[in-house]
All heavy atoms as atom14 arrays in JSON, in Angstrom:
{
  "sequence": "PEFRASYVFLFQPRSNKKPGKTSKYCCNMVFPVGTDLTVLKKAAY",
  "atom14_mask": [
    [1, 1, 1, 1, 1, 1, 1, 0, 0, 0, 0, 0, 0, 0],
    [1, 1, 1, 1, 1, 1, 1, 1, 1, 0, 0, 0, 0, 0],
    [1, 1, 1, 1, 1, 1, 1, 1, 1, 1, 1, 0, 0, 0],
    [1, 1, 1, 1, 1, 1, 1, 1, 1, 1, 1, 0, 0, 0],
    [1, 1, 1, 1, 1, 0, 0, 0, 0, 0, 0, 0, 0, 0],
    [1, 1, 1, 1, 1, 1, 0, 0, 0, 0, 0, 0, 0, 0],
    [1, 1, 1, 1, 1, 1, 1, 1, 1, 1, 1, 1, 0, 0],
    [1, 1, 1, 1, 1, 1, 1, 0, 0, 0, 0, 0, 0, 0],
    [1, 1, 1, 1, 1, 1, 1, 1, 1, 1, 1, 0, 0, 0],
    [1, 1, 1, 1, 1, 1, 1, 1, 0, 0, 0, 0, 0, 0],
    [1, 1, 1, 1, 1, 1, 1, 1, 1, 1, 1, 0, 0, 0],
    [1, 1, 1, 1, 1, 1, 1, 1, 1, 0, 0, 0, 0, 0],
    [1, 1, 1, 1, 1, 1, 1, 0, 0, 0, 0, 0, 0, 0],
    [1, 1, 1, 1, 1, 1, 1, 1, 1, 1, 1, 0, 0, 0],
    [1, 1, 1, 1, 1, 1, 0, 0, 0, 0, 0, 0, 0, 0],
    [1, 1, 1, 1, 1, 1, 1, 1, 0, 0, 0, 0, 0, 0],
    [1, 1, 1, 1, 1, 1, 1, 1, 1, 0, 0, 0, 0, 0],
    [1, 1, 1, 1, 1, 1, 1, 1, 1, 0, 0, 0, 0, 0],
    [1, 1, 1, 1, 1, 1, 1, 0, 0, 0, 0, 0, 0, 0],
    [1, 1, 1, 1, 0, 0, 0, 0, 0, 0, 0, 0, 0, 0],
    [1, 1, 1, 1, 1, 1, 1, 1, 1, 0, 0, 0, 0, 0],
    [1, 1, 1, 1, 1, 1, 1, 0, 0, 0, 0, 0, 0, 0],
    [1, 1, 1, 1, 1, 1, 0, 0, 0, 0, 0, 0, 0, 0],
    [1, 1, 1, 1, 1, 1, 1, 1, 1, 0, 0, 0, 0, 0],
    [1, 1, 1, 1, 1, 1, 1, 1, 1, 1, 1, 1, 0, 0],
    [1, 1, 1, 1, 1, 1, 0, 0, 0, 0, 0, 0, 0, 0],
    [1, 1, 1, 1, 1, 1, 0, 0, 0, 0, 0, 0, 0, 0],
    [1, 1, 1, 1, 1, 1, 1, 1, 0, 0, 0, 0, 0, 0],
    [1, 1, 1, 1, 1, 1, 1, 1, 0, 0, 0, 0, 0, 0],
    [1, 1, 1, 1, 1, 1, 1, 0, 0, 0, 0, 0, 0, 0],
    [1, 1, 1, 1, 1, 1, 1, 1, 1, 1, 1, 0, 0, 0],
    [1, 1, 1, 1, 1, 1, 1, 0, 0, 0, 0, 0, 0, 0],
    [1, 1, 1, 1, 1, 1, 1, 0, 0, 0, 0, 0, 0, 0],
    [1, 1, 1, 1, 0, 0, 0, 0, 0, 0, 0, 0, 0, 0],
    [1, 1, 1, 1, 1, 1, 1, 0, 0, 0, 0, 0, 0, 0],
    [1, 1, 1, 1, 1, 1, 1, 1, 0, 0, 0, 0, 0, 0],
    [1, 1, 1, 1, 1, 1, 1, 1, 0, 0, 0, 0, 0, 0],
    [1, 1, 1, 1, 1, 1, 1, 0, 0, 0, 0, 0, 0, 0],
    [1, 1, 1, 1, 1, 1, 1, 0, 0, 0, 0, 0, 0, 0],
    [1, 1, 1, 1, 1, 1, 1, 1, 0, 0, 0, 0, 0, 0],
    [1, 1, 1, 1, 1, 1, 1, 1, 1, 0, 0, 0, 0, 0],
    [1, 1, 1, 1, 1, 1, 1, 1, 1, 0, 0, 0, 0, 0],
    [1, 1, 1, 1, 1, 0, 0, 0, 0, 0, 0, 0, 0, 0],
    [1, 1, 1, 1, 1, 0, 0, 0, 0, 0, 0, 0, 0, 0],
    [1, 1, 1, 1, 1, 1, 1, 1, 1, 1, 1, 1, 0, 0]
  ],
  "atom14_positions": [
    [[-4.57, 9.68, 5.52], [-4.58, 10.96, 4.79], [-4.55, 10.74, 3.35], [-4.26, 9.66, 2.84], [-3.27, 11.56, 5.36], [-3.0, 10.84, 6.57], [-3.44, 9.43, 6.32], [0.0, 0.0, 0.0], [0.0, 0.0, 0.0], [0.0, 0.0, 0.0], [0.0, 0.0, 0.0], [0.0, 0.0, 0.0], [0.0, 0.0, 0.0], [0.0, 0.0, 0.0]],
    [[-4.75, 11.79, 2.57], [-4.71, 11.65, 1.09], [-3.31, 11.37, 0.63], [-2.35, 11.87, 1.17], [-5.14, 12.93, 0.46], [-5.34, 12.87, -1.07], [-5.8, 14.1, -1.7], [-5.14, 15.18, -1.48], [-6.86, 14.1, -2.44], [0.0, 0.0, 0.0], [0.0, 0.0, 0.0], [0.0, 0.0, 0.0], [0.0, 0.0, 0.0], [0.0, 0.0, 0.0]],
    [[-3.14, 10.45, -0.35], [-1.91, 10.08, -0.98], [-2.0, 9.95, -2.46], [-3.15, 9.99, -3.01], [-1.43, 8.76, -0.39], [-2.42, 7.59, -0.61], [-2.4, 6.87, -1.79], [-3.33, 7.28, 0.37], [-3.33, 5.83, -1.96], [-4.24, 6.28, 0.18], [-4.24, 5.53, -1.02], [0.0, 0.0, 0.0], [0.0, 0.0, 0.0], [0.0, 0.0, 0.0]],
    [[-0.86, 9.88, -3.07], [-0.82, 9.64, -4.49], [-0.69, 8.15, -4.75], [0.17, 7.48, -4.1], [0.32, 10.39, -5.17], [0.22, 10.53, -6.62], [1.28, 11.43, -7.21], [1.06, 11.67, -8.66], [1.87, 12.28, -9.38], [3.0, 12.83, -8.94], [1.61, 12.51, -10.67], [0.0, 0.0, 0.0], [0.0, 0.0, 0.0], [0.0, 0.0, 0.0]],
    [[-1.5, 7.59, -5.56], [-1.46, 6.13, -5.79], [-0.38, 5.73, -6.77], [-0.14, 6.5, -7.77], [-2.83, 5.66, -6.32], [0.0, 0.0, 0.0], [0.0, 0.0, 0.0], [0.0, 0.0, 0.0], [0.0, 0.0, 0.0], [0.0, 0.0, 0.0], [0.0, 0.0, 0.0], [0.0, 0.0, 0.0], [0.0, 0.0, 0.0], [0.0, 0.0, 0.0]],
    [[0.29, 4.65, -6.5], [1.33, 4.12, -7.41], [1.3, 2.61, -7.33], [0.94, 1.99, -6.35], [2.73, 4.6, -6.88], [3.78, 4.02, -7.6], [0.0, 0.0, 0.0], [0.0, 0.0, 0.0], [0.0, 0.0, 0.0], [0.0, 0.0, 0.0], [0.0, 0.0, 0.0], [0.0, 0.0, 0.0], [0.0, 0.0, 0.0], [0.0, 0.0, 0.0]],
    [[1.6, 2.0, -8.46], [1.53, 0.53, -8.57], [0.2, 0.02, -8.13], [0.06, -0.63, -7.05], [2.65, -0.19, -7.8], [4.01, 0.06, -8.44], [4.8, 1.11, -7.93], [4.47, -0.63, -9.5], [6.13, 1.31, -8.47], [5.69, -0.41, -10.14], [6.48, 0.57, -9.58], [7.74, 0.78, -10.17], [0.0, 0.0, 0.0], [0.0, 0.0, 0.0]],
    [[-0.92, 0.41, -8.86], [-2.23, 0.14, -8.41], [-2.72, -1.19, -8.97], [-2.79, -1.49, -10.16], [-3.18, 1.3, -8.98], [-4.61, 1.02, -8.67], [-2.68, 2.67, -8.52], [0.0, 0.0, 0.0], [0.0, 0.0, 0.0], [0.0, 0.0, 0.0], [0.0, 0.0, 0.0], [0.0, 0.0, 0.0], [0.0, 0.0, 0.0], [0.0, 0.0, 0.0]],
    [[-3.11, -2.06, -7.96], [-3.68, -3.4, -8.24], [-4.97, -3.54, -7.38], [-4.9, -4.24, -6.37], [-2.64, -4.5, -7.95], [-1.52, -4.5, -8.9], [-0.35, -3.71, -8.56], [-1.49, -5.23, -10.09], [0.73, -3.7, -9.39], [-0.4, -5.18, -10.94], [0.75, -4.43, -10.62], [0.0, 0.0, 0.0], [0.0, 0.0, 0.0], [0.0, 0.0, 0.0]],
    [[-5.98, -2.84, -7.71], [-7.21, -2.85, -6.95], [-8.31, -3.71, -7.55], [-9.25, -4.16, -6.83], [-7.7, -1.4, -6.78], [-6.77, -0.45, -6.06], [-7.36, 0.92, -5.97], [-6.33, -0.93, -4.67], [0.0, 0.0, 0.0], [0.0, 0.0, 0.0], [0.0, 0.0, 0.0], [0.0, 0.0, 0.0], [0.0, 0.0, 0.0], [0.0, 0.0, 0.0]],
    [[-8.27, -3.89, -8.84], [-9.31, -4.67, -9.55], [-8.8, -6.07, -9.89], [-9.64, -6.99, -10.01], [-9.75, -3.94, -10.84], [-10.48, -2.72, -10.54], [-9.85, -1.47, -10.36], [-11.9, -2.67, -10.46], [-10.58, -0.31, -10.1], [-12.6, -1.51, -10.2], [-11.91, -0.27, -10.02], [0.0, 0.0, 0.0], [0.0, 0.0, 0.0], [0.0, 0.0, 0.0]],
    [[-7.51, -6.22, -10.04], [-6.93, -7.49, -10.25], [-5.76, -7.6, -9.31], [-5.03, -6.63, -9.09], [-6.46, -7.74, -11.7], [-7.54, -7.72, -12.78], [-8.38, -9.06, -12.64], [-7.91, -10.05, -12.08], [-9.66, -8.92, -13.06], [0.0, 0.0, 0.0], [0.0, 0.0, 0.0], [0.0, 0.0, 0.0], [0.0, 0.0, 0.0], [0.0, 0.0, 0.0]],
    [[-5.49, -8.76, -8.61], [-4.35, -8.88, -7.73], [-2.99, -8.89, -8.5], [-2.91, -9.19, -9.65], [-4.65, -10.24, -7.06], [-5.38, -11.04, -8.09], [-6.28, -10.0, -8.75], [0.0, 0.0, 0.0], [0.0, 0.0, 0.0], [0.0, 0.0, 0.0], [0.0, 0.0, 0.0], [0.0, 0.0, 0.0], [0.0, 0.0, 0.0], [0.0, 0.0, 0.0]],
    [[-2.03, -8.4, -7.78], [-0.68, -8.38, -8.33], [-0.08, -9.77, -8.18], [-0.03, -10.33, -7.07], [0.21, -7.36, -7.59], [1.62, -7.22, -8.16], [2.32, -6.12, -7.5], [3.57, -5.82, -8.23], [4.36, -4.79, -7.97], [4.08, -3.97, -6.93], [5.49, -4.6, -8.64], [0.0, 0.0, 0.0], [0.0, 0.0, 0.0], [0.0, 0.0, 0.0]],
    [[0.38, -10.35, -9.24], [0.9, -11.71, -9.26], [2.15, -11.77, -8.38], [2.97, -10.82, -8.39], [1.14, -12.16, -10.65], [2.1, -11.42, -11.28], [0.0, 0.0, 0.0], [0.0, 0.0, 0.0], [0.0, 0.0, 0.0], [0.0, 0.0, 0.0], [0.0, 0.0, 0.0], [0.0, 0.0, 0.0], [0.0, 0.0, 0.0], [0.0, 0.0, 0.0]],
    [[2.37, -12.88, -7.69], [3.56, -13.12, -6.85], [4.15, -14.45, -7.31], [3.5, -15.52, -7.08], [3.21, -13.1, -5.43], [4.47, -13.07, -4.58], [5.58, -13.51, -4.91], [4.37, -12.35, -3.45], [0.0, 0.0, 0.0], [0.0, 0.0, 0.0], [0.0, 0.0, 0.0], [0.0, 0.0, 0.0], [0.0, 0.0, 0.0], [0.0, 0.0, 0.0]],
    [[5.3, -14.46, -7.89], [5.87, -15.7, -8.44], [6.72, -16.39, -7.45], [7.23, -17.5, -7.74], [6.64, -15.37, -9.73], [5.86, -14.78, -10.85], [6.68, -14.51, -12.08], [5.8, -13.97, -13.21], [6.58, -13.6, -14.46], [0.0, 0.0, 0.0], [0.0, 0.0, 0.0], [0.0, 0.0, 0.0], [0.0, 0.0, 0.0], [0.0, 0.0, 0.0]],
    [[6.86, -15.85, -6.22], [7.69, -16.54, -5.23], [6.95, -17.76, -4.73], [5.69, -17.77, -4.53], [7.9, -15.62, -4.0], [8.82, -14.41, -4.38], [9.05, -13.55, -3.15], [9.97, -12.38, -3.5], [10.19, -11.5, -2.26], [0.0, 0.0, 0.0], [0.0, 0.0, 0.0], [0.0, 0.0, 0.0], [0.0, 0.0, 0.0], [0.0, 0.0, 0.0]],
    [[7.62, -18.87, -4.54], [7.0, -20.16, -4.06], [6.25, -19.95, -2.79], [6.78, -19.35, -1.83], [8.21, -21.11, -3.94], [9.27, -20.54, -4.85], [9.1, -19.13, -4.83], [0.0, 0.0, 0.0], [0.0, 0.0, 0.0], [0.0, 0.0, 0.0], [0.0, 0.0, 0.0], [0.0, 0.0, 0.0], [0.0, 0.0, 0.0], [0.0, 0.0, 0.0]],
    [[5.01, -20.42, -2.75], [4.23, -20.36, -1.48], [3.56, -19.01, -1.29], [2.81, -18.83, -0.24], [0.0, 0.0, 0.0], [0.0, 0.0, 0.0], [0.0, 0.0, 0.0], [0.0, 0.0, 0.0], [0.0, 0.0, 0.0], [0.0, 0.0, 0.0], [0.0, 0.0, 0.0], [0.0, 0.0, 0.0], [0.0, 0.0, 0.0], [0.0, 0.0, 0.0]],
    [[3.81, -18.03, -2.09], [3.25, -16.74, -1.97], [2.02, -16.53, -2.89], [2.0, -16.98, -4.0], [4.26, -15.62, -2.28], [5.56, -15.66, -1.4], [5.18, -15.3, 0.0], [6.47, -15.19, 0.88], [6.21, -14.9, 2.25], [0.0, 0.0, 0.0], [0.0, 0.0, 0.0], [0.0, 0.0, 0.0], [0.0, 0.0, 0.0], [0.0, 0.0, 0.0]],
    [[0.99, -15.89, -2.34], [-0.23, -15.66, -3.04], [-0.26, -14.33, -3.64], [0.34, -13.31, -3.16], [-1.45, -15.89, -2.14], [-1.43, -14.94, -1.12], [-1.53, -17.31, -1.56], [0.0, 0.0, 0.0], [0.0, 0.0, 0.0], [0.0, 0.0, 0.0], [0.0, 0.0, 0.0], [0.0, 0.0, 0.0], [0.0, 0.0, 0.0], [0.0, 0.0, 0.0]],
    [[-1.04, -14.17, -4.68], [-1.27, -12.86, -5.39], [-2.08, -11.96, -4.43], [-3.03, -12.46, -3.71], [-1.89, -13.0, -6.75], [-1.09, -13.83, -7.56], [0.0, 0.0, 0.0], [0.0, 0.0, 0.0], [0.0, 0.0, 0.0], [0.0, 0.0, 0.0], [0.0, 0.0, 0.0], [0.0, 0.0, 0.0], [0.0, 0.0, 0.0], [0.0, 0.0, 0.0]],
    [[-1.8, -10.7, -4.42], [-2.46, -9.76, -3.5], [-2.98, -8.55, -4.19], [-2.41, -8.08, -5.21], [-1.46, -9.31, -2.35], [-0.89, -10.42, -1.54], [-1.73, -10.7, -0.32], [-0.96, -11.61, 0.66], [-1.76, -11.94, 1.88], [0.0, 0.0, 0.0], [0.0, 0.0, 0.0], [0.0, 0.0, 0.0], [0.0, 0.0, 0.0], [0.0, 0.0, 0.0]],
    [[-4.09, -8.05, -3.72], [-4.53, -6.73, -4.19], [-3.71, -5.68, -3.35], [-3.55, -5.89, -2.14], [-6.05, -6.5, -3.86], [-6.97, -7.45, -4.63], [-7.35, -8.68, -4.13], [-7.39, -7.04, -5.9], [-8.16, -9.56, -4.84], [-8.24, -7.87, -6.64], [-8.63, -9.17, -6.14], [-9.41, -9.93, -6.84], [0.0, 0.0, 0.0], [0.0, 0.0, 0.0]],
    [[-3.27, -4.68, -4.0], [-2.35, -3.72, -3.29], [-2.33, -2.42, -4.0], [-2.79, -2.22, -5.14], [-0.99, -4.33, -3.05], [-0.08, -4.81, -4.63], [0.0, 0.0, 0.0], [0.0, 0.0, 0.0], [0.0, 0.0, 0.0], [0.0, 0.0, 0.0], [0.0, 0.0, 0.0], [0.0, 0.0, 0.0], [0.0, 0.0, 0.0], [0.0, 0.0, 0.0]],
    [[-1.63, -1.36, -3.37], [-1.48, -0.16, -3.92], [-0.4, 0.62, -3.07], [-0.55, 0.64, -1.83], [-2.8, 0.62, -3.89], [-2.69, 2.38, -4.37], [0.0, 0.0, 0.0], [0.0, 0.0, 0.0], [0.0, 0.0, 0.0], [0.0, 0.0, 0.0], [0.0, 0.0, 0.0], [0.0, 0.0, 0.0], [0.0, 0.0, 0.0], [0.0, 0.0, 0.0]],
    [[0.59, 1.21, -3.74], [1.55, 2.01, -2.94], [0.88, 3.32, -2.61], [0.44, 4.08, -3.55], [2.77, 2.26, -3.73], [3.63, 1.01, -3.95], [3.18, -0.1, -3.79], [4.95, 1.18, -4.23], [0.0, 0.0, 0.0], [0.0, 0.0, 0.0], [0.0, 0.0, 0.0], [0.0, 0.0, 0.0], [0.0, 0.0, 0.0], [0.0, 0.0, 0.0]],
    [[0.89, 3.65, -1.35], [0.27, 4.95, -0.85], [1.45, 5.84, -0.64], [2.19, 5.78, 0.35], [-0.53, 4.71, 0.52], [-1.57, 3.68, 0.43], [-2.69, 3.61, 1.87], [-1.42, 3.3, 3.16], [0.0, 0.0, 0.0], [0.0, 0.0, 0.0], [0.0, 0.0, 0.0], [0.0, 0.0, 0.0], [0.0, 0.0, 0.0], [0.0, 0.0, 0.0]],
    [[1.67, 6.75, -1.61], [2.78, 7.65, -1.61], [2.31, 8.93, -0.99], [1.62, 9.73, -1.67], [3.31, 7.88, -3.03], [4.61, 8.71, -3.03], [3.69, 6.53, -3.65], [0.0, 0.0, 0.0], [0.0, 0.0, 0.0], [0.0, 0.0, 0.0], [0.0, 0.0, 0.0], [0.0, 0.0, 0.0], [0.0, 0.0, 0.0], [0.0, 0.0, 0.0]],
    [[2.76, 9.28, 0.22], [2.28, 10.49, 0.95], [3.24, 11.65, 0.65], [4.44, 11.57, 0.65], [2.29, 10.19, 2.45], [1.28, 9.16, 2.85], [1.74, 7.9, 3.1], [-0.02, 9.44, 2.95], [0.85, 6.89, 3.46], [-0.94, 8.48, 3.32], [-0.47, 7.15, 3.6], [0.0, 0.0, 0.0], [0.0, 0.0, 0.0], [0.0, 0.0, 0.0]],
    [[2.61, 12.85, 0.41], [3.42, 14.05, 0.17], [4.34, 14.27, 1.34], [3.99, 13.96, 2.48], [2.38, 15.12, -0.02], [1.2, 14.38, -0.46], [1.19, 13.07, 0.19], [0.0, 0.0, 0.0], [0.0, 0.0, 0.0], [0.0, 0.0, 0.0], [0.0, 0.0, 0.0], [0.0, 0.0, 0.0], [0.0, 0.0, 0.0], [0.0, 0.0, 0.0]],
    [[5.52, 14.87, 1.08], [6.44, 15.23, 2.18], [5.74, 16.05, 3.22], [4.99, 17.05, 2.82], [7.65, 15.94, 1.57], [8.56, 16.42, 2.73], [8.41, 15.06, 0.65], [0.0, 0.0, 0.0], [0.0, 0.0, 0.0], [0.0, 0.0, 0.0], [0.0, 0.0, 0.0], [0.0, 0.0, 0.0], [0.0, 0.0, 0.0], [0.0, 0.0, 0.0]],
    [[5.86, 15.76, 4.47], [5.3, 16.5, 5.6], [3.89, 16.06, 5.98], [3.31, 16.6, 6.91], [0.0, 0.0, 0.0], [0.0, 0.0, 0.0], [0.0, 0.0, 0.0], [0.0, 0.0, 0.0], [0.0, 0.0, 0.0], [0.0, 0.0, 0.0], [0.0, 0.0, 0.0], [0.0, 0.0, 0.0], [0.0, 0.0, 0.0], [0.0, 0.0, 0.0]],
    [[3.4, 15.04, 5.28], [2.05, 14.49, 5.7], [2.05, 13.96, 7.13], [2.98, 13.28, 7.49], [1.59, 13.37, 4.72], [1.49, 13.86, 3.4], [0.23, 12.82, 5.13], [0.0, 0.0, 0.0], [0.0, 0.0, 0.0], [0.0, 0.0, 0.0], [0.0, 0.0, 0.0], [0.0, 0.0, 0.0], [0.0, 0.0, 0.0], [0.0, 0.0, 0.0]],
    [[1.03, 14.28, 7.92], [0.94, 13.81, 9.3], [0.41, 12.39, 9.27], [-0.73, 12.12, 8.94], [0.0, 14.71, 10.05], [-0.13, 14.43, 11.52], [0.44, 13.35, 11.92], [-0.68, 15.22, 12.25], [0.0, 0.0, 0.0], [0.0, 0.0, 0.0], [0.0, 0.0, 0.0], [0.0, 0.0, 0.0], [0.0, 0.0, 0.0], [0.0, 0.0, 0.0]],
    [[1.33, 11.44, 9.6], [0.95, 10.02, 9.56], [0.74, 9.48, 11.01], [0.75, 8.23, 11.24], [2.03, 9.2, 8.87], [2.35, 9.58, 7.44], [3.46, 8.69, 6.8], [1.11, 9.54, 6.62], [0.0, 0.0, 0.0], [0.0, 0.0, 0.0], [0.0, 0.0, 0.0], [0.0, 0.0, 0.0], [0.0, 0.0, 0.0], [0.0, 0.0, 0.0]],
    [[0.45, 10.36, 11.97], [0.31, 9.94, 13.31], [-0.77, 8.84, 13.48], [-0.57, 7.86, 14.22], [-0.11, 11.15, 14.18], [0.9, 12.18, 14.15], [-0.29, 10.74, 15.67], [0.0, 0.0, 0.0], [0.0, 0.0, 0.0], [0.0, 0.0, 0.0], [0.0, 0.0, 0.0], [0.0, 0.0, 0.0], [0.0, 0.0, 0.0], [0.0, 0.0, 0.0]],
    [[-1.89, 9.01, 12.87], [-2.92, 7.99, 12.99], [-2.54, 6.6, 12.52], [-2.88, 5.62, 13.14], [-4.24, 8.42, 12.25], [-4.03, 8.46, 10.73], [-5.43, 7.58, 12.56], [0.0, 0.0, 0.0], [0.0, 0.0, 0.0], [0.0, 0.0, 0.0], [0.0, 0.0, 0.0], [0.0, 0.0, 0.0], [0.0, 0.0, 0.0], [0.0, 0.0, 0.0]],
    [[-1.7, 6.54, 11.5], [-1.27, 5.24, 10.97], [-0.11, 4.69, 11.87], [-0.14, 3.5, 12.14], [-0.71, 5.41, 9.59], [-1.79, 5.61, 8.47], [-1.14, 6.23, 7.2], [-2.44, 4.31, 8.17], [0.0, 0.0, 0.0], [0.0, 0.0, 0.0], [0.0, 0.0, 0.0], [0.0, 0.0, 0.0], [0.0, 0.0, 0.0], [0.0, 0.0, 0.0]],
    [[0.76, 5.52, 12.34], [1.83, 5.17, 13.23], [1.33, 4.66, 14.58], [1.86, 3.73, 15.2], [2.9, 6.17, 13.33], [3.58, 6.49, 12.02], [4.7, 7.57, 12.14], [5.33, 7.8, 10.77], [6.47, 8.75, 10.85], [0.0, 0.0, 0.0], [0.0, 0.0, 0.0], [0.0, 0.0, 0.0], [0.0, 0.0, 0.0], [0.0, 0.0, 0.0]],
    [[0.3, 5.32, 15.05], [-0.27, 4.95, 16.35], [-0.95, 3.55, 16.23], [-0.85, 2.66, 17.14], [-1.34, 6.0, 16.76], [-2.05, 5.72, 18.08], [-1.04, 5.58, 19.27], [-1.82, 5.58, 20.61], [-2.69, 4.49, 20.85], [0.0, 0.0, 0.0], [0.0, 0.0, 0.0], [0.0, 0.0, 0.0], [0.0, 0.0, 0.0], [0.0, 0.0, 0.0]],
    [[-1.61, 3.36, 15.1], [-2.25, 2.01, 14.86], [-1.21, 0.95, 14.87], [-1.38, -0.2, 15.34], [-3.08, 2.1, 13.61], [0.0, 0.0, 0.0], [0.0, 0.0, 0.0], [0.0, 0.0, 0.0], [0.0, 0.0, 0.0], [0.0, 0.0, 0.0], [0.0, 0.0, 0.0], [0.0, 0.0, 0.0], [0.0, 0.0, 0.0], [0.0, 0.0, 0.0]],
    [[-0.03, 1.22, 14.16], [1.01, 0.22, 14.05], [1.64, -0.05, 15.5], [1.92, -1.14, 15.89], [2.13, 0.73, 13.16], [0.0, 0.0, 0.0], [0.0, 0.0, 0.0], [0.0, 0.0, 0.0], [0.0, 0.0, 0.0], [0.0, 0.0, 0.0], [0.0, 0.0, 0.0], [0.0, 0.0, 0.0], [0.0, 0.0, 0.0], [0.0, 0.0, 0.0]],
    [[1.8, 0.99, 16.23], [2.37, 0.94, 17.63], [1.42, 0.14, 18.5], [1.9, -0.76, 19.24], [2.51, 2.31, 18.15], [2.89, 2.41, 19.64], [4.21, 2.32, 20.03], [1.91, 2.56, 20.61], [4.49, 2.37, 21.44], [2.21, 2.61, 21.98], [3.51, 2.53, 22.34], [3.87, 2.58, 23.7], [0.0, 0.0, 0.0], [0.0, 0.0, 0.0]]
  ]
}
């Protein structure tokens, strides 16, 4: 579903300084209160 983007690292990966960890492309998907997340929760299940 539609979300608000936060901490956007889509063009360059976000650096990870922890030993053995690699930098990742990522983005916080911040869903408005009440958003139906059934499709995501079913996939996780």
